[in-house]
């Protein structure tokens, strides 16, 4: 017979991880209080500590990848715009020759 895994809510996970990070109680005391195993307390605590920097990152300086393509710097974009303007002018001249 297989056992189903317990699914803990994000609220409970955050409470357990914060209690473990505070350090005023041992891992076993935190586990007993919230009804989870000590191994889960350790995993939740380490996951919080690994990802805590993401909480305080400034969204204006760090862009999340949207998967639409590679990110380009402002200098590259300005260069590309200049190149496209030159091509556009050249095409306008060529079209004018056929009129």
PDB file of N, CA and C in Angstrom:
ATOM      1  N   UNK A   1       0.838  -1.159   0.000  1.00  0.00           N
ATOM      2  CA  UNK A   1       0.000   0.000   0.000  1.00  0.00           C
ATOM      3  C   UNK A   1       0.899   1.244   0.000  1.00  0.00           C
ATOM      4  N   UNK A   2       0.617   2.177  -0.879  1.00  0.00           N
ATOM      5  CA  UNK A   2       1.438   3.379  -0.957  1.00  0.00           C
ATOM      6  C   UNK A   2       0.841   4.494  -0.104  1.00  0.00           C
ATOM      7  N   UNK A   3       1.746   5.277   0.444  1.00  0.00           N
ATOM      8  CA  UNK A   3       1.306   6.407   1.258  1.00  0.00           C
ATOM      9  C   UNK A   3       1.344   7.660   0.414  1.00  0.00           C
ATOM     10  N   UNK A   4       0.383   8.541   0.640  1.00  0.00           N
ATOM     11  CA  UNK A   4       0.387   9.816  -0.061  1.00  0.00           C
ATOM     12  C   UNK A   4       1.307  10.776   0.657  1.00  0.00           C
ATOM     13  N   UNK A   5       1.949  11.616  -0.128  1.00  0.00           N
ATOM     14  CA  UNK A   5       2.816  12.641   0.449  1.00  0.00           C
ATOM     15  C   UNK A   5       1.964  13.734   1.059  1.00  0.00           C
ATOM     16  N   UNK A   6       2.464  14.279   2.125  1.00  0.00           N
ATOM     17  CA  UNK A   6       1.783  15.416   2.727  1.00  0.00           C
ATOM     18  C   UNK A   6       2.144  16.660   1.930  1.00  0.00           C
ATOM     19  N   UNK A   7       1.167  17.509   1.729  1.00  0.00           N
ATOM     20  CA  UNK A   7       1.380  18.763   1.027  1.00  0.00           C
ATOM     21  C   UNK A   7       1.173  19.879   2.042  1.00  0.00           C
ATOM     22  N   UNK A   8       2.228  20.642   2.260  1.00  0.00           N
ATOM     23  CA  UNK A   8       2.162  21.730   3.223  1.00  0.00           C
ATOM     24  C   UNK A   8       1.874  23.040   2.507  1.00  0.00           C
ATOM     25  N   UNK A   9       1.048  23.851   3.111  1.00  0.00           N
ATOM     26  CA  UNK A   9       0.707  25.136   2.508  1.00  0.00           C
ATOM     27  C   UNK A   9       1.907  26.078   2.566  1.00  0.00           C
ATOM     28  N   UNK A  10       1.948  27.041   1.655  1.00  0.00           N
ATOM     29  CA  UNK A  10       3.047  28.014   1.692  1.00  0.00           C
ATOM     30  C   UNK A  10       3.100  28.786   3.010  1.00  0.00           C
ATOM     31  N   UNK A  11       1.955  29.046   3.592  1.00  0.00           N
ATOM     32  CA  UNK A  11       1.916  29.762   4.869  1.00  0.00           C
ATOM     33  C   UNK A  11       2.593  28.948   5.967  1.00  0.00           C
ATOM     34  N   UNK A  12       2.282  27.653   6.026  1.00  0.00           N
ATOM     35  CA  UNK A  12       2.900  26.791   7.039  1.00  0.00           C
ATOM     36  C   UNK A  12       4.398  26.669   6.796  1.00  0.00           C
ATOM     37  N   UNK A  13       4.786  26.519   5.525  1.00  0.00           N
ATOM     38  CA  UNK A  13       6.213  26.404   5.209  1.00  0.00           C
ATOM     39  C   UNK A  13       6.985  27.645   5.646  1.00  0.00           C
ATOM     40  N   UNK A  14       6.387  28.812   5.389  1.00  0.00           N
ATOM     41  CA  UNK A  14       7.075  30.045   5.773  1.00  0.00           C
ATOM     42  C   UNK A  14       7.169  30.176   7.287  1.00  0.00           C
ATOM     43  N   UNK A  15       6.117  29.784   7.996  1.00  0.00           N
ATOM     44  CA  UNK A  15       6.155  29.847   9.457  1.00  0.00           C
ATOM     45  C   UNK A  15       7.215  28.914  10.025  1.00  0.00           C
ATOM     46  N   UNK A  16       7.288  27.710   9.479  1.00  0.00           N
ATOM     47  CA  UNK A  16       8.282  26.736   9.941  1.00  0.00           C
ATOM     48  C   UNK A  16       9.691  27.236   9.652  1.00  0.00           C
ATOM     49  N   UNK A  17       9.905  27.747   8.444  1.00  0.00           N
ATOM     50  CA  UNK A  17      11.236  28.220   8.062  1.00  0.00           C
ATOM     51  C   UNK A  17      11.658  29.410   8.919  1.00  0.00           C
ATOM     52  N   UNK A  18      10.756  30.336   9.174  1.00  0.00           N
ATOM     53  CA  UNK A  18      11.086  31.493  10.004  1.00  0.00           C
ATOM     54  C   UNK A  18      11.377  31.091  11.445  1.00  0.00           C
ATOM     55  N   UNK A  19      10.597  30.141  11.957  1.00  0.00           N
ATOM     56  CA  UNK A  19      10.848  29.666  13.320  1.00  0.00           C
ATOM     57  C   UNK A  19      12.209  28.991  13.412  1.00  0.00           C
ATOM     58  N   UNK A  20      12.584  28.270  12.374  1.00  0.00           N
ATOM     59  CA  UNK A  20      13.879  27.599  12.369  1.00  0.00           C
ATOM     60  C   UNK A  20      15.023  28.605  12.246  1.00  0.00           C
ATOM     61  N   UNK A  21      14.815  29.659  11.457  1.00  0.00           N
ATOM     62  CA  UNK A  21      15.853  30.664  11.266  1.00  0.00           C
ATOM     63  C   UNK A  21      16.054  31.487  12.533  1.00  0.00           C
ATOM     64  N   UNK A  22      14.968  31.763  13.257  1.00  0.00           N
ATOM     65  CA  UNK A  22      15.083  32.550  14.489  1.00  0.00           C
ATOM     66  C   UNK A  22      16.075  31.924  15.458  1.00  0.00           C
ATOM     67  N   UNK A  23      16.019  30.616  15.574  1.00  0.00           N
ATOM     68  CA  UNK A  23      16.987  29.918  16.406  1.00  0.00           C
ATOM     69  C   UNK A  23      16.677  29.900  17.888  1.00  0.00           C
ATOM     70  N   UNK A  24      15.515  30.399  18.306  1.00  0.00           N
ATOM     71  CA  UNK A  24      15.183  30.366  19.731  1.00  0.00           C
ATOM     72  C   UNK A  24      14.728  28.983  20.184  1.00  0.00           C
ATOM     73  N   UNK A  25      14.375  28.121  19.233  1.00  0.00           N
ATOM     74  CA  UNK A  25      14.003  26.742  19.539  1.00  0.00           C
ATOM     75  C   UNK A  25      14.840  25.808  18.678  1.00  0.00           C
ATOM     76  N   UNK A  26      14.994  24.596  19.123  1.00  0.00           N
ATOM     77  CA  UNK A  26      15.747  23.622  18.346  1.00  0.00           C
ATOM     78  C   UNK A  26      14.903  23.142  17.167  1.00  0.00           C
ATOM     79  N   UNK A  27      15.569  22.486  16.234  1.00  0.00           N
ATOM     80  CA  UNK A  27      14.889  21.949  15.054  1.00  0.00           C
ATOM     81  C   UNK A  27      13.798  20.969  15.471  1.00  0.00           C
ATOM     82  N   UNK A  28      14.085  20.150  16.463  1.00  0.00           N
ATOM     83  CA  UNK A  28      13.115  19.162  16.925  1.00  0.00           C
ATOM     84  C   UNK A  28      11.909  19.821  17.578  1.00  0.00           C
ATOM     85  N   UNK A  29      12.128  20.889  18.310  1.00  0.00           N
ATOM     86  CA  UNK A  29      11.014  21.606  18.933  1.00  0.00           C
ATOM     87  C   UNK A  29      10.127  22.266  17.867  1.00  0.00           C
ATOM     88  N   UNK A  30      10.743  22.831  16.852  1.00  0.00           N
ATOM     89  CA  UNK A  30       9.978  23.444  15.759  1.00  0.00           C
ATOM     90  C   UNK A  30       9.183  22.368  15.023  1.00  0.00           C
ATOM     91  N   UNK A  31       9.819  21.242  14.768  1.00  0.00           N
ATOM     92  CA  UNK A  31       9.151  20.149  14.063  1.00  0.00           C
ATOM     93  C   UNK A  31       7.958  19.636  14.859  1.00  0.00           C
ATOM     94  N   UNK A  32       8.132  19.498  16.137  1.00  0.00           N
ATOM     95  CA  UNK A  32       7.053  19.001  16.987  1.00  0.00           C
ATOM     96  C   UNK A  32       5.909  20.014  17.050  1.00  0.00           C
ATOM     97  N   UNK A  33       6.228  21.291  17.151  1.00  0.00           N
ATOM     98  CA  UNK A  33       5.198  22.315  17.259  1.00  0.00           C
ATOM     99  C   UNK A  33       4.326  22.381  16.007  1.00  0.00           C
ATOM    100  N   UNK A  34       4.938  22.270  14.831  1.00  0.00           N
ATOM    101  CA  UNK A  34       4.189  22.397  13.590  1.00  0.00           C
ATOM    102  C   UNK A  34       3.766  21.061  12.991  1.00  0.00           C
ATOM    103  N   UNK A  35       4.164  19.961  13.579  1.00  0.00           N
ATOM    104  CA  UNK A  35       3.745  18.644  13.116  1.00  0.00           C
ATOM    105  C   UNK A  35       4.407  18.204  11.820  1.00  0.00           C
ATOM    106  N   UNK A  36       5.663  18.572  11.648  1.00  0.00           N
ATOM    107  CA  UNK A  36       6.414  18.137  10.475  1.00  0.00           C
ATOM    108  C   UNK A  36       7.666  17.409  10.962  1.00  0.00           C
ATOM    109  N   UNK A  37       8.326  16.731  10.055  1.00  0.00           N
ATOM    110  CA  UNK A  37       9.530  16.009  10.451  1.00  0.00           C
ATOM    111  C   UNK A  37      10.709  16.981  10.554  1.00  0.00           C
ATOM    112  N   UNK A  38      11.704  16.647  11.366  1.00  0.00           N
ATOM    113  CA  UNK A  38      12.886  17.514  11.470  1.00  0.00           C
ATOM    114  C   UNK A  38      13.607  17.698  10.130  1.00  0.00           C
ATOM    115  N   UNK A  39      13.583  16.665   9.293  1.00  0.00           N
ATOM    116  CA  UNK A  39      14.209  16.779   7.983  1.00  0.00           C
ATOM    117  C   UNK A  39      13.500  17.839   7.140  1.00  0.00           C
ATOM    118  N   UNK A  40      12.181  17.913   7.246  1.00  0.00           N
ATOM    119  CA  UNK A  40      11.424  18.915   6.507  1.00  0.00           C
ATOM    120  C   UNK A  40      11.732  20.319   7.027  1.00  0.00           C
ATOM    121  N   UNK A  41      11.926  20.446   8.325  1.00  0.00           N
ATOM    122  CA  UNK A  41      12.271  21.746   8.894  1.00  0.00           C
ATOM    123  C   UNK A  41      13.609  22.209   8.333  1.00  0.00           C
ATOM    124  N   UNK A  42      14.558  21.308   8.270  1.00  0.00           N
ATOM    125  CA  UNK A  42      15.883  21.639   7.740  1.00  0.00           C
ATOM    126  C   UNK A  42      15.780  22.033   6.271  1.00  0.00           C
ATOM    127  N   UNK A  43      14.982  21.293   5.480  1.00  0.00           N
ATOM    128  CA  UNK A  43      14.815  21.608   4.061  1.00  0.00           C
ATOM    129  C   UNK A  43      14.147  22.961   3.872  1.00  0.00           C
ATOM    130  N   UNK A  44      13.114  23.237   4.666  1.00  0.00           N
ATOM    131  CA  UNK A  44      12.405  24.512   4.554  1.00  0.00           C
ATOM    132  C   UNK A  44      13.309  25.676   4.943  1.00  0.00           C
ATOM    133  N   UNK A  45      14.101  25.478   5.967  1.00  0.00           N
ATOM    134  CA  UNK A  45      15.023  26.520   6.413  1.00  0.00           C
ATOM    135  C   UNK A  45      16.080  26.793   5.345  1.00  0.00           C
ATOM    136  N   UNK A  46      16.661  25.752   4.789  1.00  0.00           N
ATOM    137  CA  UNK A  46      17.702  25.950   3.780  1.00  0.00           C
ATOM    138  C   UNK A  46      17.128  26.561   2.507  1.00  0.00           C
ATOM    139  N   UNK A  47      15.896  26.199   2.165  1.00  0.00           N
ATOM    140  CA  UNK A  47      15.259  26.780   0.978  1.00  0.00           C
ATOM    141  C   UNK A  47      15.026  28.277   1.181  1.00  0.00           C
ATOM    142  N   UNK A  48      14.610  28.659   2.378  1.00  0.00           N
ATOM    143  CA  UNK A  48      14.420  30.074   2.681  1.00  0.00           C
ATOM    144  C   UNK A  48      15.739  30.831   2.594  1.00  0.00           C
ATOM    145  N   UNK A  49      16.774  30.281   3.182  1.00  0.00           N
ATOM    146  CA  UNK A  49      18.071  30.957   3.176  1.00  0.00           C
ATOM    147  C   UNK A  49      18.669  31.039   1.777  1.00  0.00           C
ATOM    148  N   UNK A  50      18.412  30.033   0.952  1.00  0.00           N
ATOM    149  CA  UNK A  50      18.927  30.050  -0.423  1.00  0.00           C
ATOM    150  C   UNK A  50      18.235  31.099  -1.282  1.00  0.00           C
ATOM    151  N   UNK A  51      16.957  31.331  -1.015  1.00  0.00           N
ATOM    152  CA  UNK A  51      16.173  32.220  -1.882  1.00  0.00           C
ATOM    153  C   UNK A  51      15.885  33.585  -1.266  1.00  0.00           C
ATOM    154  N   UNK A  52      16.445  33.885  -0.132  1.00  0.00           N
ATOM    155  CA  UNK A  52      16.111  35.132   0.545  1.00  0.00           C
ATOM    156  C   UNK A  52      16.584  36.358  -0.234  1.00  0.00           C
ATOM    157  N   UNK A  53      17.650  36.231  -1.009  1.00  0.00           N
ATOM    158  CA  UNK A  53      18.149  37.356  -1.792  1.00  0.00           C
ATOM    159  C   UNK A  53      17.137  37.785  -2.855  1.00  0.00           C
ATOM    160  N   UNK A  54      16.373  36.837  -3.375  1.00  0.00           N
ATOM    161  CA  UNK A  54      15.384  37.150  -4.395  1.00  0.00           C
ATOM    162  C   UNK A  54      14.311  38.096  -3.862  1.00  0.00           C
ATOM    163  N   UNK A  55      14.032  38.023  -2.574  1.00  0.00           N
ATOM    164  CA  UNK A  55      13.002  38.871  -1.983  1.00  0.00           C
ATOM    165  C   UNK A  55      13.385  40.339  -2.008  1.00  0.00           C
ATOM    166  N   UNK A  56      14.660  40.619  -1.906  1.00  0.00           N
ATOM    167  CA  UNK A  56      15.113  41.987  -1.768  1.00  0.00           C
ATOM    168  C   UNK A  56      15.774  42.539  -3.028  1.00  0.00           C
ATOM    169  N   UNK A  57      15.660  41.837  -4.132  1.00  0.00           N
ATOM    170  CA  UNK A  57      16.229  42.341  -5.372  1.00  0.00           C
ATOM    171  C   UNK A  57      15.341  43.447  -5.902  1.00  0.00           C
ATOM    172  N   UNK A  58      15.964  44.471  -6.438  1.00  0.00           N
ATOM    173  CA  UNK A  58      15.249  45.597  -7.006  1.00  0.00           C
ATOM    174  C   UNK A  58      14.788  45.220  -8.401  1.00  0.00           C
ATOM    175  N   UNK A  59      13.495  45.237  -8.620  1.00  0.00           N
ATOM    176  CA  UNK A  59      12.933  44.849  -9.905  1.00  0.00           C
ATOM    177  C   UNK A  59      13.334  45.765 -11.035  1.00  0.00           C
ATOM    178  N   UNK A  60      13.760  46.989 -10.712  1.00  0.00           N
ATOM    179  CA  UNK A  60      14.146  47.929 -11.754  1.00  0.00           C
ATOM    180  C   UNK A  60      15.513  47.595 -12.332  1.00  0.00           C
ATOM    181  N   UNK A  61      16.360  46.951 -11.548  1.00  0.00           N
ATOM    182  CA  UNK A  61      17.694  46.646 -12.039  1.00  0.00           C
ATOM    183  C   UNK A  61      17.817  45.210 -12.512  1.00  0.00           C
ATOM    184  N   UNK A  62      16.992  44.328 -12.017  1.00  0.00           N
ATOM    185  CA  UNK A  62      17.046  42.926 -12.397  1.00  0.00           C
ATOM    186  C   UNK A  62      15.812  42.592 -13.210  1.00  0.00           C
ATOM    187  N   UNK A  63      16.035  42.171 -14.444  1.00  0.00           N
ATOM    188  CA  UNK A  63      14.927  41.820 -15.306  1.00  0.00           C
ATOM    189  C   UNK A  63      14.796  40.311 -15.353  1.00  0.00           C
ATOM    190  N   UNK A  64      13.562  39.854 -15.256  1.00  0.00           N
ATOM    191  CA  UNK A  64      13.305  38.431 -15.369  1.00  0.00           C
ATOM    192  C   UNK A  64      13.234  38.090 -16.844  1.00  0.00           C
ATOM    193  N   UNK A  65      13.770  36.965 -17.197  1.00  0.00           N
ATOM    194  CA  UNK A  65      13.759  36.551 -18.590  1.00  0.00           C
ATOM    195  C   UNK A  65      12.353  36.104 -18.958  1.00  0.00           C
ATOM    196  N   UNK A  66      11.859  36.648 -20.035  1.00  0.00           N
ATOM    197  CA  UNK A  66      10.516  36.301 -20.482  1.00  0.00           C
ATOM    198  C   UNK A  66      10.536  35.130 -21.456  1.00  0.00           C
ATOM    199  N   UNK A  67      11.711  34.725 -21.880  1.00  0.00           N
ATOM    200  CA  UNK A  67      11.813  33.609 -22.794  1.00  0.00           C
ATOM    201  C   UNK A  67      11.603  34.014 -24.244  1.00  0.00           C
ATOM    202  N   UNK A  68      11.413  35.319 -24.508  1.00  0.00           N
ATOM    203  CA  UNK A  68      11.168  35.763 -25.867  1.00  0.00           C
ATOM    204  C   UNK A  68      12.448  35.886 -26.676  1.00  0.00           C
ATOM    205  N   UNK A  69      13.585  35.932 -26.033  1.00  0.00           N
ATOM    206  CA  UNK A  69      14.828  36.032 -26.767  1.00  0.00           C
ATOM    207  C   UNK A  69      15.911  36.584 -25.870  1.00  0.00           C
ATOM    208  N   UNK A  70      17.117  36.739 -26.436  1.00  0.00           N
ATOM    209  CA  UNK A  70      18.220  37.238 -25.623  1.00  0.00           C
ATOM    210  C   UNK A  70      18.048  38.718 -25.282  1.00  0.00           C
ATOM    211  N   UNK A  71      18.501  39.090 -24.120  1.00  0.00           N
ATOM    212  CA  UNK A  71      18.425  40.476 -23.676  1.00  0.00           C
ATOM    213  C   UNK A  71      19.485  41.290 -24.419  1.00  0.00           C
ATOM    214  N   UNK A  72      19.157  42.553 -24.748  1.00  0.00           N
ATOM    215  CA  UNK A  72      20.099  43.424 -25.434  1.00  0.00           C
ATOM    216  C   UNK A  72      20.333  44.654 -24.574  1.00  0.00           C
ATOM    217  N   UNK A  73      21.563  45.140 -24.585  1.00  0.00           N
ATOM    218  CA  UNK A  73      21.884  46.336 -23.823  1.00  0.00           C
ATOM    219  C   UNK A  73      21.433  47.568 -24.602  1.00  0.00           C
ATOM    220  N   UNK A  74      21.413  48.707 -23.923  1.00  0.00           N
ATOM    221  CA  UNK A  74      21.004  49.948 -24.573  1.00  0.00           C
ATOM    222  C   UNK A  74      21.922  50.303 -25.734  1.00  0.00           C
ATOM    223  N   UNK A  75      23.216  50.071 -25.557  1.00  0.00           N
ATOM    224  CA  UNK A  75      24.172  50.379 -26.626  1.00  0.00           C
ATOM    225  C   UNK A  75      23.899  49.539 -27.868  1.00  0.00           C
ATOM    226  N   UNK A  76      23.597  48.266 -27.658  1.00  0.00           N
ATOM    227  CA  UNK A  76      23.296  47.385 -28.788  1.00  0.00           C
ATOM    228  C   UNK A  76      22.011  47.822 -29.482  1.00  0.00           C
ATOM    229  N   UNK A  77      21.018  48.245 -28.697  1.00  0.00           N
ATOM    230  CA  UNK A  77      19.758  48.687 -29.287  1.00  0.00           C
ATOM    231  C   UNK A  77      19.935  49.968 -30.094  1.00  0.00           C
ATOM    232  N   UNK A  78      20.723  50.919 -29.581  1.00  0.00           N
ATOM    233  CA  UNK A  78      20.983  52.154 -30.305  1.00  0.00           C
ATOM    234  C   UNK A  78      21.709  51.853 -31.611  1.00  0.00           C
ATOM    235  N   UNK A  79      22.674  50.962 -31.556  1.00  0.00           N
ATOM    236  CA  UNK A  79      23.412  50.567 -32.757  1.00  0.00           C
ATOM    237  C   UNK A  79      22.478  49.922 -33.775  1.00  0.00           C
ATOM    238  N   UNK A  80      21.586  49.064 -33.313  1.00  0.00           N
ATOM    239  CA  UNK A  80      20.641  48.394 -34.197  1.00  0.00           C
ATOM    240  C   UNK A  80      19.685  49.393 -34.834  1.00  0.00           C
ATOM    241  N   UNK A  81      19.206  50.361 -34.055  1.00  0.00           N
ATOM    242  CA  UNK A  81      18.308  51.384 -34.584  1.00  0.00           C
ATOM    243  C   UNK A  81      19.013  52.185 -35.682  1.00  0.00           C
ATOM    244  N   UNK A  82      20.255  52.578 -35.437  1.00  0.00           N
ATOM    245  CA  UNK A  82      21.020  53.302 -36.454  1.00  0.00           C
ATOM    246  C   UNK A  82      21.174  52.504 -37.725  1.00  0.00           C
ATOM    247  N   UNK A  83      21.480  51.230 -37.573  1.00  0.00           N
ATOM    248  CA  UNK A  83      21.646  50.347 -38.738  1.00  0.00           C
ATOM    249  C   UNK A  83      20.333  50.239 -39.510  1.00  0.00           C
ATOM    250  N   UNK A  84      19.235  50.093 -38.817  1.00  0.00           N
ATOM    251  CA  UNK A  84      17.941  49.966 -39.474  1.00  0.00           C
ATOM    252  C   UNK A  84      17.531  51.261 -40.165  1.00  0.00           C
ATOM    253  N   UNK A  85      17.878  52.406 -39.570  1.00  0.00           N
ATOM    254  CA  UNK A  85      17.582  53.686 -40.219  1.00  0.00           C
ATOM    255  C   UNK A  85      18.354  53.830 -41.528  1.00  0.00           C
ATOM    256  N   UNK A  86      19.608  53.413 -41.532  1.00  0.00           N
ATOM    257  CA  UNK A  86      20.415  53.466 -42.756  1.00  0.00           C
ATOM    258  C   UNK A  86      19.809  52.556 -43.821  1.00  0.00           C
ATOM    259  N   UNK A  87      19.419  51.353 -43.432  1.00  0.00           N
ATOM    260  CA  UNK A  87      18.796  50.436 -44.383  1.00  0.00           C
ATOM    261  C   UNK A  87      17.499  51.013 -44.933  1.00  0.00           C
ATOM    262  N   UNK A  88      16.716  51.646 -44.064  1.00  0.00           N
ATOM    263  CA  UNK A  88      15.446  52.235 -44.469  1.00  0.00           C
ATOM    264  C   UNK A  88      15.660  53.341 -45.498  1.00  0.00           C
ATOM    265  N   UNK A  89      16.638  54.194 -45.269  1.00  0.00           N
ATOM    266  CA  UNK A  89      16.948  55.270 -46.215  1.00  0.00           C
ATOM    267  C   UNK A  89      17.407  54.696 -47.552  1.00  0.00           C
ATOM    268  N   UNK A  90      18.223  53.676 -47.526  1.00  0.00           N
ATOM    269  CA  UNK A  90      18.713  53.035 -48.749  1.00  0.00           C
ATOM    270  C   UNK A  90      17.546  52.446 -49.540  1.00  0.00           C
ATOM    271  N   UNK A  91      16.608  51.791 -48.821  1.00  0.00           N
ATOM    272  CA  UNK A  91      15.458  51.205 -49.502  1.00  0.00           C
ATOM    273  C   UNK A  91      14.564  52.281 -50.109  1.00  0.00           C
ATOM    274  N   UNK A  92      14.409  53.401 -49.414  1.00  0.00           N
ATOM    275  CA  UNK A  92      13.614  54.507 -49.961  1.00  0.00           C
ATOM    276  C   UNK A  92      14.222  55.014 -51.264  1.00  0.00           C
ATOM    277  N   UNK A  93      15.551  55.130 -51.328  1.00  0.00           N
ATOM    278  CA  UNK A  93      16.224  55.576 -52.547  1.00  0.00           C
ATOM    279  C   UNK A  93      16.010  54.590 -53.692  1.00  0.00           C
ATOM    280  N   UNK A  94      16.114  53.304 -53.384  1.00  0.00           N
ATOM    281  CA  UNK A  94      15.946  52.279 -54.409  1.00  0.00           C
ATOM    282  C   UNK A  94      14.520  52.260 -54.945  1.00  0.00           C
ATOM    283  N   UNK A  95      13.536  52.431 -54.063  1.00  0.00           N
ATOM    284  CA  UNK A  95      12.142  52.453 -54.501  1.00  0.00           C
ATOM    285  C   UNK A  95      11.888  53.673 -55.377  1.00  0.00           C
ATOM    286  N   UNK A  96      12.511  54.797 -55.021  1.00  0.00           N
ATOM    287  CA  UNK A  96      12.330  56.031 -55.797  1.00  0.00           C
ATOM    288  C   UNK A  96      12.878  55.867 -57.219  1.00  0.00           C
ATOM    289  N   UNK A  97      13.884  55.037 -57.421  1.00  0.00           N
ATOM    290  CA  UNK A  97      14.443  54.815 -58.745  1.00  0.00           C
ATOM    291  C   UNK A  97      13.447  54.118 -59.665  1.00  0.00           C
ATOM    292  N   UNK A  98      12.583  53.282 -59.113  1.00  0.00           N
ATOM    293  CA  UNK A  98      11.622  52.537 -59.924  1.00  0.00           C
ATOM    294  C   UNK A  98      10.372  53.336 -60.232  1.00  0.00           C
ATOM    295  N   UNK A  99      10.150  54.434 -59.568  1.00  0.00           N
ATOM    296  CA  UNK A  99       8.944  55.248 -59.822  1.00  0.00           C
ATOM    297  C   UNK A  99       9.076  56.102 -61.017  1.00  0.00           C
TER     298      UNK A  99
END
